[in-house]
Amino acid sequence: MLRPVRTAQAWKEAMPVDPNAHAAPLFVVLNAGSGHGNSGATRATIASVLEAAGRAHRILVVDDPRQLQAVAAEAVAAARADGGIVVAAGGDGTLNTVAQAVLGSGCAFGVLPQGTFNYFGRVHGIPADTAAATRLLLTARPHPVQVGLVNDKVFLVNASLGLYPQLLEDREAWKRRLGRSRIVAFGAGLATLLRAHRRLRLRIEYGEHATNVRTPTLFVGNNRLQMEQLGTAQAFDEGHLAGIMLRPVGVLGMLWLVLRGALARLGDADKVTAFGFDSLTVHVRRFAGRRSFKVATDGEVTRLALPLTFRVSPEPLRLLKPEPPAP
């Protein structure tokens, strides 16, 4: 049975104020591969700000992305032992991995955004500038922040299956051959869209609804800023996730939908279904007997066991963020 989801206000009222939060040691997990790759300068900036403030800290640099999960677990263990705070420095994928380790640990969570889009940091008012974001850690207190789960895998921004995971895999293949740049990423995305798309046959169940659908992709959002940029914010509300499905279309139709998304008008398209939910179960009917399926969570592709259950985590992250404006 799924536990009921509290609203952010209910979690805030239930969350005790930690009088030692401003003095707790910081354990910073720095992904050297995020951002523009100048991890030495990033580390120096973080250390300079924290040392000037006299704040106890430890910076754990991850040079091999395959070690990120293990280093995040190490940071959480150290923070729990010392009453500290775990901080993720990287893009949305790095934040996702560290948040996975932090969720349910009792530790507070801080972020130093280093990625290209930084949807998670931006929606919570965290500066993209490393020095400014580090200074925020010195004064901010924890606030409850909603987390999405697909099975038991965390997503802070979005999760999806179908077209988007394929686009991410194609983009990484292009980057390995041609290097990292926005032009390469755009070219890879365009090449993916111009190919024929495999249509998923899904049975989805949410609330009292159950239906069979055919779609090239199912996208689940947990970030109001991204939903607004796509023009689908009407499907997103506190305590819920937003589901977006595309009806089967040809190549030109897909390009037209991409253009509408860029203009924040995707929600108005007649080929798009957008809806809010707190729990959604997905059965992939085309691949009967298959035990797992590719799912993208915050830009990282993994295989998860079928069926897939998307839901709001019953427990939030305790995120260090600016105080909300007074009503």
Foldseek 3Di string as FASTA:
>chain_A
DDDAADFLVVVQVVDDFDPCQLQAEEEEEEECPAAPNPVVVLVVLLCVLCVVVVHHYHYHYDDDPVCLLVVLLVSLVVCLVRVHAYEYEHAQVSVQSNVLNQPPSPHAYEYQYRHDPRLQCVLQVQDNDRNRNSVLSNPFFWGFAWWKQKPSRIFQFKKKAALPVVLLVQLVVQCVVPNDDVVSSVVSNLVSLQDDGDWFWKWKDADPDTDTATFRMKMKGNGLVLLQLQLNNVQDDTLKIKIKTFHDDHSVVSVVLVVSRNVSNNVVDPRMDMHIGAKMKMAGPVDPPDQWGWMDGSSDIDIDGPGIMMHIDSGGHGYGGDDDDDD
